[in-house]
Amino acid sequence: MTFSIRGGNGNITYIGLTLAQIATSIAGQAVVRAPVADRTGLTGRYDLHLEFNEDPGPNIFTALVEQAGLKLQPEKGTVDVIVVDRAERPTEN
């Protein structure tokens, strides 16, 4: 199965991805700044193209609603994180 994510400058195209994969990609957008979980219950693979701007025009949140019928809904929950409390340079053998 072929799948891809292409984009930049307010343009993202998803080809053959699950909504869980698309949600993960959306979470990676700087303006989102939070984990995104797929709660749609849909299991297929989808093609989706989003066009958005930060100013003026639709932002990614508006684009998701108007162009894909998807809405990011904030909710509280727990998130697993990894904390690195120190790092050392490796020693030569």
PDB file of N, CA and C in Angstrom:
ATOM      1  N   MET A   1       0.848  -1.177   0.000  1.00  0.00           N
ATOM      2  CA  MET A   1       0.000   0.000   0.000  1.00  0.00           C
ATOM      3  C   MET A   1       0.893   1.239   0.000  1.00  0.00           C
ATOM      4  N   THR A   2       0.551   2.206  -0.828  1.00  0.00           N
ATOM      5  CA  THR A   2       1.297   3.448  -0.920  1.00  0.00           C
ATOM      6  C   THR A   2       0.639   4.505  -0.059  1.00  0.00           C
ATOM      7  N   PHE A   3       1.462   5.229   0.700  1.00  0.00           N
ATOM      8  CA  PHE A   3       0.947   6.357   1.455  1.00  0.00           C
ATOM      9  C   PHE A   3       2.015   7.424   1.490  1.00  0.00           C
ATOM     10  N   SER A   4       1.598   8.678   1.659  1.00  0.00           N
ATOM     11  CA  SER A   4       2.569   9.759   1.716  1.00  0.00           C
ATOM     12  C   SER A   4       1.969  10.980   2.386  1.00  0.00           C
ATOM     13  N   ILE A   5       2.878  11.827   2.881  1.00  0.00           N
ATOM     14  CA  ILE A   5       2.533  13.131   3.419  1.00  0.00           C
ATOM     15  C   ILE A   5       3.433  14.124   2.713  1.00  0.00           C
ATOM     16  N   ARG A   6       2.827  15.109   2.071  1.00  0.00           N
ATOM     17  CA  ARG A   6       3.593  16.159   1.412  1.00  0.00           C
ATOM     18  C   ARG A   6       3.057  17.490   1.879  1.00  0.00           C
ATOM     19  N   GLY A   7       3.934  18.466   1.962  1.00  0.00           N
ATOM     20  CA  GLY A   7       3.404  19.768   2.324  1.00  0.00           C
ATOM     21  C   GLY A   7       4.450  20.789   2.662  1.00  0.00           C
ATOM     22  N   GLY A   8       3.948  21.943   2.967  1.00  0.00           N
ATOM     23  CA  GLY A   8       4.770  23.071   3.346  1.00  0.00           C
ATOM     24  C   GLY A   8       4.057  24.354   2.986  1.00  0.00           C
ATOM     25  N   ASN A   9       4.350  25.397   3.725  1.00  0.00           N
ATOM     26  CA  ASN A   9       3.778  26.719   3.448  1.00  0.00           C
ATOM     27  C   ASN A   9       2.252  26.708   3.385  1.00  0.00           C
ATOM     28  N   GLY A  10       1.619  26.088   4.374  1.00  0.00           N
ATOM     29  CA  GLY A  10       0.174  26.106   4.433  1.00  0.00           C
ATOM     30  C   GLY A  10      -0.529  25.145   3.509  1.00  0.00           C
ATOM     31  N   ASN A  11       0.151  24.105   3.099  1.00  0.00           N
ATOM     32  CA  ASN A  11      -0.378  23.101   2.190  1.00  0.00           C
ATOM     33  C   ASN A  11       0.027  21.732   2.712  1.00  0.00           C
ATOM     34  N   ILE A  12      -0.924  20.870   3.003  1.00  0.00           N
ATOM     35  CA  ILE A  12      -0.590  19.504   3.403  1.00  0.00           C
ATOM     36  C   ILE A  12      -1.458  18.556   2.594  1.00  0.00           C
ATOM     37  N   THR A  13      -0.839  17.533   2.018  1.00  0.00           N
ATOM     38  CA  THR A  13      -1.570  16.498   1.303  1.00  0.00           C
ATOM     39  C   THR A  13      -1.241  15.150   1.929  1.00  0.00           C
ATOM     40  N   TYR A  14      -2.284  14.445   2.331  1.00  0.00           N
ATOM     41  CA  TYR A  14      -2.157  13.098   2.874  1.00  0.00           C
ATOM     42  C   TYR A  14      -2.738  12.132   1.846  1.00  0.00           C
ATOM     43  N   ILE A  15      -2.006  11.070   1.553  1.00  0.00           N
ATOM     44  CA  ILE A  15      -2.477  10.083   0.590  1.00  0.00           C
ATOM     45  C   ILE A  15      -2.395   8.702   1.224  1.00  0.00           C
ATOM     46  N   GLY A  16      -3.534   8.037   1.332  1.00  0.00           N
ATOM     47  CA  GLY A  16      -3.585   6.663   1.813  1.00  0.00           C
ATOM     48  C   GLY A  16      -3.256   6.494   3.281  1.00  0.00           C
ATOM     49  N   LEU A  17      -3.568   7.480   4.118  1.00  0.00           N
ATOM     50  CA  LEU A  17      -3.266   7.384   5.539  1.00  0.00           C
ATOM     51  C   LEU A  17      -4.527   7.143   6.359  1.00  0.00           C
ATOM     52  N   THR A  18      -4.348   6.525   7.519  1.00  0.00           N
ATOM     53  CA  THR A  18      -5.451   6.389   8.459  1.00  0.00           C
ATOM     54  C   THR A  18      -5.639   7.730   9.163  1.00  0.00           C
ATOM     55  N   LEU A  19      -6.799   7.924   9.760  1.00  0.00           N
ATOM     56  CA  LEU A  19      -7.017   9.167  10.500  1.00  0.00           C
ATOM     57  C   LEU A  19      -6.106   9.251  11.719  1.00  0.00           C
ATOM     58  N   ALA A  20      -5.713   8.126  12.281  1.00  0.00           N
ATOM     59  CA  ALA A  20      -4.752   8.149  13.391  1.00  0.00           C
ATOM     60  C   ALA A  20      -3.406   8.706  12.911  1.00  0.00           C
ATOM     61  N   GLN A  21      -2.962   8.325  11.725  1.00  0.00           N
ATOM     62  CA  GLN A  21      -1.711   8.846  11.171  1.00  0.00           C
ATOM     63  C   GLN A  21      -1.839  10.329  10.851  1.00  0.00           C
ATOM     64  N   ILE A  22      -2.971  10.729  10.318  1.00  0.00           N
ATOM     65  CA  ILE A  22      -3.198  12.140  10.021  1.00  0.00           C
ATOM     66  C   ILE A  22      -3.205  12.945  11.313  1.00  0.00           C
ATOM     67  N   ALA A  23      -3.838  12.423  12.356  1.00  0.00           N
ATOM     68  CA  ALA A  23      -3.863  13.105  13.659  1.00  0.00           C
ATOM     69  C   ALA A  23      -2.448  13.305  14.200  1.00  0.00           C
ATOM     70  N   THR A  24      -1.605  12.300  14.080  1.00  0.00           N
ATOM     71  CA  THR A  24      -0.216  12.417  14.531  1.00  0.00           C
ATOM     72  C   THR A  24       0.514  13.500  13.766  1.00  0.00           C
ATOM     73  N   SER A  25       0.288  13.576  12.464  1.00  0.00           N
ATOM     74  CA  SER A  25       0.923  14.606  11.649  1.00  0.00           C
ATOM     75  C   SER A  25       0.437  15.999  12.040  1.00  0.00           C
ATOM     76  N   ILE A  26      -0.867  16.139  12.262  1.00  0.00           N
ATOM     77  CA  ILE A  26      -1.421  17.433  12.653  1.00  0.00           C
ATOM     78  C   ILE A  26      -0.839  17.887  13.985  1.00  0.00           C
ATOM     79  N   ALA A  27      -0.626  16.943  14.896  1.00  0.00           N
ATOM     80  CA  ALA A  27      -0.028  17.275  16.192  1.00  0.00           C
ATOM     81  C   ALA A  27       1.368  17.850  16.027  1.00  0.00           C
ATOM     82  N   GLY A  28       2.037  17.487  14.941  1.00  0.00           N
ATOM     83  CA  GLY A  28       3.380  17.979  14.674  1.00  0.00           C
ATOM     84  C   GLY A  28       3.433  19.396  14.132  1.00  0.00           C
ATOM     85  N   GLN A  29       2.286  19.984  13.818  1.00  0.00           N
ATOM     86  CA  GLN A  29       2.253  21.361  13.335  1.00  0.00           C
ATOM     87  C   GLN A  29       2.531  22.311  14.497  1.00  0.00           C
ATOM     88  N   ALA A  30       3.393  23.262  14.294  1.00  0.00           N
ATOM     89  CA  ALA A  30       3.825  24.164  15.367  1.00  0.00           C
ATOM     90  C   ALA A  30       2.662  24.879  16.039  1.00  0.00           C
ATOM     91  N   VAL A  31       1.649  25.257  15.300  1.00  0.00           N
ATOM     92  CA  VAL A  31       0.536  26.012  15.866  1.00  0.00           C
ATOM     93  C   VAL A  31      -0.352  25.142  16.761  1.00  0.00           C
ATOM     94  N   VAL A  32      -0.345  23.835  16.590  1.00  0.00           N
ATOM     95  CA  VAL A  32      -1.203  22.946  17.378  1.00  0.00           C
ATOM     96  C   VAL A  32      -0.673  22.784  18.800  1.00  0.00           C
ATOM     97  N   ARG A  33       0.606  22.524  18.949  1.00  0.00           N
ATOM     98  CA  ARG A  33       1.278  22.463  20.255  1.00  0.00           C
ATOM     99  C   ARG A  33       0.641  21.513  21.263  1.00  0.00           C
ATOM    100  N   ALA A  34       0.071  20.424  20.803  1.00  0.00           N
ATOM    101  CA  ALA A  34      -0.533  19.453  21.710  1.00  0.00           C
ATOM    102  C   ALA A  34      -0.675  18.117  20.982  1.00  0.00           C
ATOM    103  N   PRO A  35      -0.717  17.028  21.736  1.00  0.00           N
ATOM    104  CA  PRO A  35      -0.987  15.736  21.104  1.00  0.00           C
ATOM    105  C   PRO A  35      -2.392  15.741  20.498  1.00  0.00           C
ATOM    106  N   VAL A  36      -2.577  15.006  19.411  1.00  0.00           N
ATOM    107  CA  VAL A  36      -3.883  14.887  18.772  1.00  0.00           C
ATOM    108  C   VAL A  36      -4.213  13.405  18.673  1.00  0.00           C
ATOM    109  N   ALA A  37      -5.369  13.013  19.204  1.00  0.00           N
ATOM    110  CA  ALA A  37      -5.808  11.615  19.168  1.00  0.00           C
ATOM    111  C   ALA A  37      -7.000  11.490  18.228  1.00  0.00           C
ATOM    112  N   ASP A  38      -7.009  10.429  17.455  1.00  0.00           N
ATOM    113  CA  ASP A  38      -8.128  10.153  16.559  1.00  0.00           C
ATOM    114  C   ASP A  38      -9.248   9.509  17.371  1.00  0.00           C
ATOM    115  N   ARG A  39     -10.374  10.190  17.462  1.00  0.00           N
ATOM    116  CA  ARG A  39     -11.538   9.662  18.174  1.00  0.00           C
ATOM    117  C   ARG A  39     -12.726   9.488  17.220  1.00  0.00           C
ATOM    118  N   THR A  40     -12.449   9.426  15.903  1.00  0.00           N
ATOM    119  CA  THR A  40     -13.531   9.328  14.922  1.00  0.00           C
ATOM    120  C   THR A  40     -14.131   7.927  14.853  1.00  0.00           C
ATOM    121  N   GLY A  41     -13.336   6.919  15.153  1.00  0.00           N
ATOM    122  CA  GLY A  41     -13.808   5.543  15.013  1.00  0.00           C
ATOM    123  C   GLY A  41     -13.737   5.034  13.579  1.00  0.00           C
ATOM    124  N   LEU A  42     -13.268   5.856  12.646  1.00  0.00           N
ATOM    125  CA  LEU A  42     -13.147   5.445  11.244  1.00  0.00           C
ATOM    126  C   LEU A  42     -11.857   4.654  11.059  1.00  0.00           C
ATOM    127  N   THR A  43     -11.920   3.552  10.312  1.00  0.00           N
ATOM    128  CA  THR A  43     -10.765   2.666  10.194  1.00  0.00           C
ATOM    129  C   THR A  43     -10.131   2.617   8.815  1.00  0.00           C
ATOM    130  N   GLY A  44     -10.680   3.293   7.844  1.00  0.00           N
ATOM    131  CA  GLY A  44     -10.153   3.228   6.486  1.00  0.00           C
ATOM    132  C   GLY A  44      -8.913   4.080   6.290  1.00  0.00           C
ATOM    133  N   ARG A  45      -8.446   4.103   5.056  1.00  0.00           N
ATOM    134  CA  ARG A  45      -7.330   4.966   4.661  1.00  0.00           C
ATOM    135  C   ARG A  45      -7.900   6.078   3.793  1.00  0.00           C
ATOM    136  N   TYR A  46      -7.347   7.277   3.962  1.00  0.00           N
ATOM    137  CA  TYR A  46      -7.955   8.447   3.333  1.00  0.00           C
ATOM    138  C   TYR A  46      -6.922   9.312   2.626  1.00  0.00           C
ATOM    139  N   ASP A  47      -7.406  10.041   1.633  1.00  0.00           N
ATOM    140  CA  ASP A  47      -6.644  11.093   0.976  1.00  0.00           C
ATOM    141  C   ASP A  47      -7.244  12.407   1.456  1.00  0.00           C
ATOM    142  N   LEU A  48      -6.404  13.347   1.799  1.00  0.00           N
ATOM    143  CA  LEU A  48      -6.885  14.623   2.325  1.00  0.00           C
ATOM    144  C   LEU A  48      -5.912  15.715   1.925  1.00  0.00           C
ATOM    145  N   HIS A  49      -6.454  16.817   1.445  1.00  0.00           N
ATOM    146  CA  HIS A  49      -5.625  17.977   1.112  1.00  0.00           C
ATOM    147  C   HIS A  49      -6.138  19.169   1.906  1.00  0.00           C
ATOM    148  N   LEU A  50      -5.246  19.840   2.636  1.00  0.00           N
ATOM    149  CA  LEU A  50      -5.596  21.023   3.419  1.00  0.00           C
ATOM    150  C   LEU A  50      -4.796  22.215   2.927  1.00  0.00           C
ATOM    151  N   GLU A  51      -5.456  23.356   2.808  1.00  0.00           N
ATOM    152  CA  GLU A  51      -4.782  24.614   2.503  1.00  0.00           C
ATOM    153  C   GLU A  51      -5.143  25.596   3.604  1.00  0.00           C
ATOM    154  N   PHE A  52      -4.116  26.203   4.191  1.00  0.00           N
ATOM    155  CA  PHE A  52      -4.358  27.122   5.294  1.00  0.00           C
ATOM    156  C   PHE A  52      -3.256  28.155   5.388  1.00  0.00           C
ATOM    157  N   ASN A  53      -3.543  29.228   6.099  1.00  0.00           N
ATOM    158  CA  ASN A  53      -2.584  30.299   6.378  1.00  0.00           C
ATOM    159  C   ASN A  53      -2.685  30.607   7.856  1.00  0.00           C
ATOM    160  N   GLU A  54      -1.764  31.362   8.333  1.00  0.00           N
ATOM    161  CA  GLU A  54      -1.887  31.838   9.705  1.00  0.00           C
ATOM    162  C   GLU A  54      -2.514  33.217   9.745  1.00  0.00           C
ATOM    163  N   ASP A  55      -2.241  34.052   8.743  1.00  0.00           N
ATOM    164  CA  ASP A  55      -2.831  35.379   8.737  1.00  0.00           C
ATOM    165  C   ASP A  55      -2.693  35.978   7.355  1.00  0.00           C
ATOM    166  N   PRO A  56      -3.659  36.503   6.702  1.00  0.00           N
ATOM    167  CA  PRO A  56      -5.094  36.365   6.973  1.00  0.00           C
ATOM    168  C   PRO A  56      -5.562  35.025   6.457  1.00  0.00           C
ATOM    169  N   GLY A  57      -6.782  34.731   6.399  1.00  0.00           N
ATOM    170  CA  GLY A  57      -7.266  33.480   5.829  1.00  0.00           C
ATOM    171  C   GLY A  57      -7.394  32.385   6.858  1.00  0.00           C
ATOM    172  N   PRO A  58      -7.840  31.213   6.406  1.00  0.00           N
ATOM    173  CA  PRO A  58      -8.106  30.129   7.344  1.00  0.00           C
ATOM    174  C   PRO A  58      -6.821  29.572   7.955  1.00  0.00           C
ATOM    175  N   ASN A  59      -6.859  29.336   9.272  1.00  0.00           N
ATOM    176  CA  ASN A  59      -5.738  28.662   9.907  1.00  0.00           C
ATOM    177  C   ASN A  59      -5.990  27.156   9.832  1.00  0.00           C
ATOM    178  N   ILE A  60      -5.098  26.360  10.378  1.00  0.00           N
ATOM    179  CA  ILE A  60      -5.238  24.898  10.254  1.00  0.00           C
ATOM    180  C   ILE A  60      -6.504  24.394  10.936  1.00  0.00           C
ATOM    181  N   PHE A  61      -6.930  25.042  12.020  1.00  0.00           N
ATOM    182  CA  PHE A  61      -8.132  24.610  12.723  1.00  0.00           C
ATOM    183  C   PHE A  61      -9.379  24.836  11.860  1.00  0.00           C
ATOM    184  N   THR A  62      -9.457  26.008  11.229  1.00  0.00           N
ATOM    185  CA  THR A  62     -10.569  26.324  10.333  1.00  0.00           C
ATOM    186  C   THR A  62     -10.530  25.427   9.106  1.00  0.00           C
ATOM    187  N   ALA A  63      -9.346  25.196   8.559  1.00  0.00           N
ATOM    188  CA  ALA A  63      -9.205  24.345   7.376  1.00  0.00           C
ATOM    189  C   ALA A  63      -9.677  22.925   7.664  1.00  0.00           C
ATOM    190  N   LEU A  64      -9.370  22.400   8.832  1.00  0.00           N
ATOM    191  CA  LEU A  64      -9.827  21.049   9.171  1.00  0.00           C
ATOM    192  C   LEU A  64     -11.349  20.959   9.165  1.00  0.00           C
ATOM    193  N   VAL A  65     -12.015  21.959   9.707  1.00  0.00           N
ATOM    194  CA  VAL A  65     -13.485  21.957   9.758  1.00  0.00           C
ATOM    195  C   VAL A  65     -14.070  22.164   8.363  1.00  0.00           C
ATOM    196  N   GLU A  66     -13.625  23.220   7.675  1.00  0.00           N
ATOM    197  CA  GLU A  66     -14.232  23.598   6.401  1.00  0.00           C
ATOM    198  C   GLU A  66     -13.861  22.671   5.246  1.00  0.00           C
ATOM    199  N   GLN A  67     -12.636  22.147   5.242  1.00  0.00           N
ATOM    200  CA  GLN A  67     -12.170  21.365   4.106  1.00  0.00           C
ATOM    201  C   GLN A  67     -12.238  19.861   4.335  1.00  0.00           C
ATOM    202  N   ALA A  68     -12.298  19.429   5.596  1.00  0.00           N
ATOM    203  CA  ALA A  68     -12.295  17.992   5.867  1.00  0.00           C
ATOM    204  C   ALA A  68     -13.433  17.534   6.774  1.00  0.00           C
ATOM    205  N   GLY A  69     -14.156  18.469   7.366  1.00  0.00           N
ATOM    206  CA  GLY A  69     -15.223  18.083   8.276  1.00  0.00           C
ATOM    207  C   GLY A  69     -14.717  17.512   9.586  1.00  0.00           C
ATOM    208  N   LEU A  70     -13.480  17.840   9.943  1.00  0.00           N
ATOM    209  CA  LEU A  70     -12.874  17.352  11.187  1.00  0.00           C
ATOM    210  C   LEU A  70     -12.690  18.518  12.146  1.00  0.00           C
ATOM    211  N   LYS A  71     -12.871  18.270  13.431  1.00  0.00           N
ATOM    212  CA  LYS A  71     -12.710  19.325  14.422  1.00  0.00           C
ATOM    213  C   LYS A  71     -11.796  18.843  15.535  1.00  0.00           C
ATOM    214  N   LEU A  72     -10.827  19.681  15.885  1.00  0.00           N
ATOM    215  CA  LEU A  72      -9.982  19.385  17.036  1.00  0.00           C
ATOM    216  C   LEU A  72     -10.727  19.837  18.282  1.00  0.00           C
ATOM    217  N   GLN A  73     -10.963  18.913  19.183  1.00  0.00           N
ATOM    218  CA  GLN A  73     -11.711  19.193  20.400  1.00  0.00           C
ATOM    219  C   GLN A  73     -10.763  19.056  21.590  1.00  0.00           C
ATOM    220  N   PRO A  74     -10.531  20.145  22.332  1.00  0.00           N
ATOM    221  CA  PRO A  74      -9.619  20.036  23.482  1.00  0.00           C
ATOM    222  C   PRO A  74     -10.229  19.175  24.583  1.00  0.00           C
ATOM    223  N   GLU A  75      -9.399  18.366  25.190  1.00  0.00           N
ATOM    224  CA  GLU A  75      -9.827  17.587  26.340  1.00  0.00           C
ATOM    225  C   GLU A  75      -8.631  17.333  27.234  1.00  0.00           C
ATOM    226  N   LYS A  76      -8.906  17.110  28.495  1.00  0.00           N
ATOM    227  CA  LYS A  76      -7.835  16.843  29.452  1.00  0.00           C
ATOM    228  C   LYS A  76      -7.605  15.344  29.528  1.00  0.00           C
ATOM    229  N   GLY A  77      -6.346  14.986  29.719  1.00  0.00           N
ATOM    230  CA  GLY A  77      -6.002  13.576  29.828  1.00  0.00           C
ATOM    231  C   GLY A  77      -4.553  13.432  30.234  1.00  0.00           C
ATOM    232  N   THR A  78      -4.110  12.218  30.314  1.00  0.00           N
ATOM    233  CA  THR A  78      -2.713  11.963  30.669  1.00  0.00           C
ATOM    234  C   THR A  78      -1.918  11.673  29.401  1.00  0.00           C
ATOM    235  N   VAL A  79      -0.666  12.047  29.436  1.00  0.00           N
ATOM    236  CA  VAL A  79       0.228  11.840  28.307  1.00  0.00           C
ATOM    237  C   VAL A  79       1.537  11.277  28.839  1.00  0.00           C
ATOM    238  N   ASP A  80       2.027  10.210  28.222  1.00  0.00           N
ATOM    239  CA  ASP A  80       3.323   9.665  28.589  1.00  0.00           C
ATOM    240  C   ASP A  80       4.418  10.559  28.035  1.00  0.00           C
ATOM    241  N   VAL A  81       5.421  10.853  28.847  1.00  0.00           N
ATOM    242  CA  VAL A  81       6.560  11.651  28.413  1.00  0.00           C
ATOM    243  C   VAL A  81       7.841  10.979  28.860  1.00  0.00           C
ATOM    244  N   ILE A  82       8.906  11.279  28.155  1.00  0.00           N
ATOM    245  CA  ILE A  82      10.241  10.806  28.530  1.00  0.00           C
ATOM    246  C   ILE A  82      11.020  12.028  28.983  1.00  0.00           C
ATOM    247  N   VAL A  83      11.617  11.937  30.160  1.00  0.00           N
ATOM    248  CA  VAL A  83      12.400  13.040  30.705  1.00  0.00           C
ATOM    249  C   VAL A  83      13.861  12.621  30.727  1.00  0.00           C
ATOM    250  N   VAL A  84      14.716  13.417  30.101  1.00  0.00           N
ATOM    251  CA  VAL A  84      16.163  13.188  30.133  1.00  0.00           C
ATOM    252  C   VAL A  84      16.721  14.133  31.180  1.00  0.00           C
ATOM    253  N   ASP A  85      17.228  13.579  32.276  1.00  0.00           N
ATOM    254  CA  ASP A  85      17.701  14.454  33.351  1.00  0.00           C
ATOM    255  C   ASP A  85      19.189  14.756  33.265  1.00  0.00           C
ATOM    256  N   ARG A  86      19.918  14.016  32.438  1.00  0.00           N
ATOM    257  CA  ARG A  86      21.318  14.364  32.188  1.00  0.00           C
ATOM    258  C   ARG A  86      21.814  13.604  30.969  1.00  0.00           C
ATOM    259  N   ALA A  87      22.890  14.121  30.378  1.00  0.00           N
ATOM    260  CA  ALA A  87      23.522  13.479  29.232  1.00  0.00           C
ATOM    261  C   ALA A  87      25.020  13.632  29.378  1.00  0.00           C
ATOM    262  N   GLU A  88      25.746  12.607  28.993  1.00  0.00           N
ATOM    263  CA  GLU A  88      27.215  12.642  29.061  1.00  0.00           C
ATOM    264  C   GLU A  88      27.777  12.267  27.697  1.00  0.00           C
ATOM    265  N   ARG A  89      28.926  12.858  27.401  1.00  0.00           N
ATOM    266  CA  ARG A  89      29.598  12.485  26.145  1.00  0.00           C
ATOM    267  C   ARG A  89      30.112  11.069  26.272  1.00  0.00           C
ATOM    268  N   PRO A  90      30.018  10.287  25.199  1.00  0.00           N
ATOM    269  CA  PRO A  90      30.540   8.909  25.251  1.00  0.00           C
ATOM    270  C   PRO A  90      32.066   8.932  25.366  1.00  0.00           C
ATOM    271  N   THR A  91      32.595   7.926  26.053  1.00  0.00           N
ATOM    272  CA  THR A  91      34.062   7.802  26.188  1.00  0.00           C
ATOM    273  C   THR A  91      34.584   6.956  25.042  1.00  0.00           C
ATOM    274  N   GLU A  92      35.829   7.233  24.644  1.00  0.00           N
ATOM    275  CA  GLU A  92      36.436   6.438  23.578  1.00  0.00           C
ATOM    276  C   GLU A  92      36.871   5.106  24.146  1.00  0.00           C
ATOM    277  N   ASN A  93      36.786   4.051  23.340  1.00  0.00           N
ATOM    278  CA  ASN A  93      37.195   2.700  23.778  1.00  0.00           C
ATOM    279  C   ASN A  93      38.660   2.517  23.607  1.00  0.00           C
TER     280      ASN A  93
END
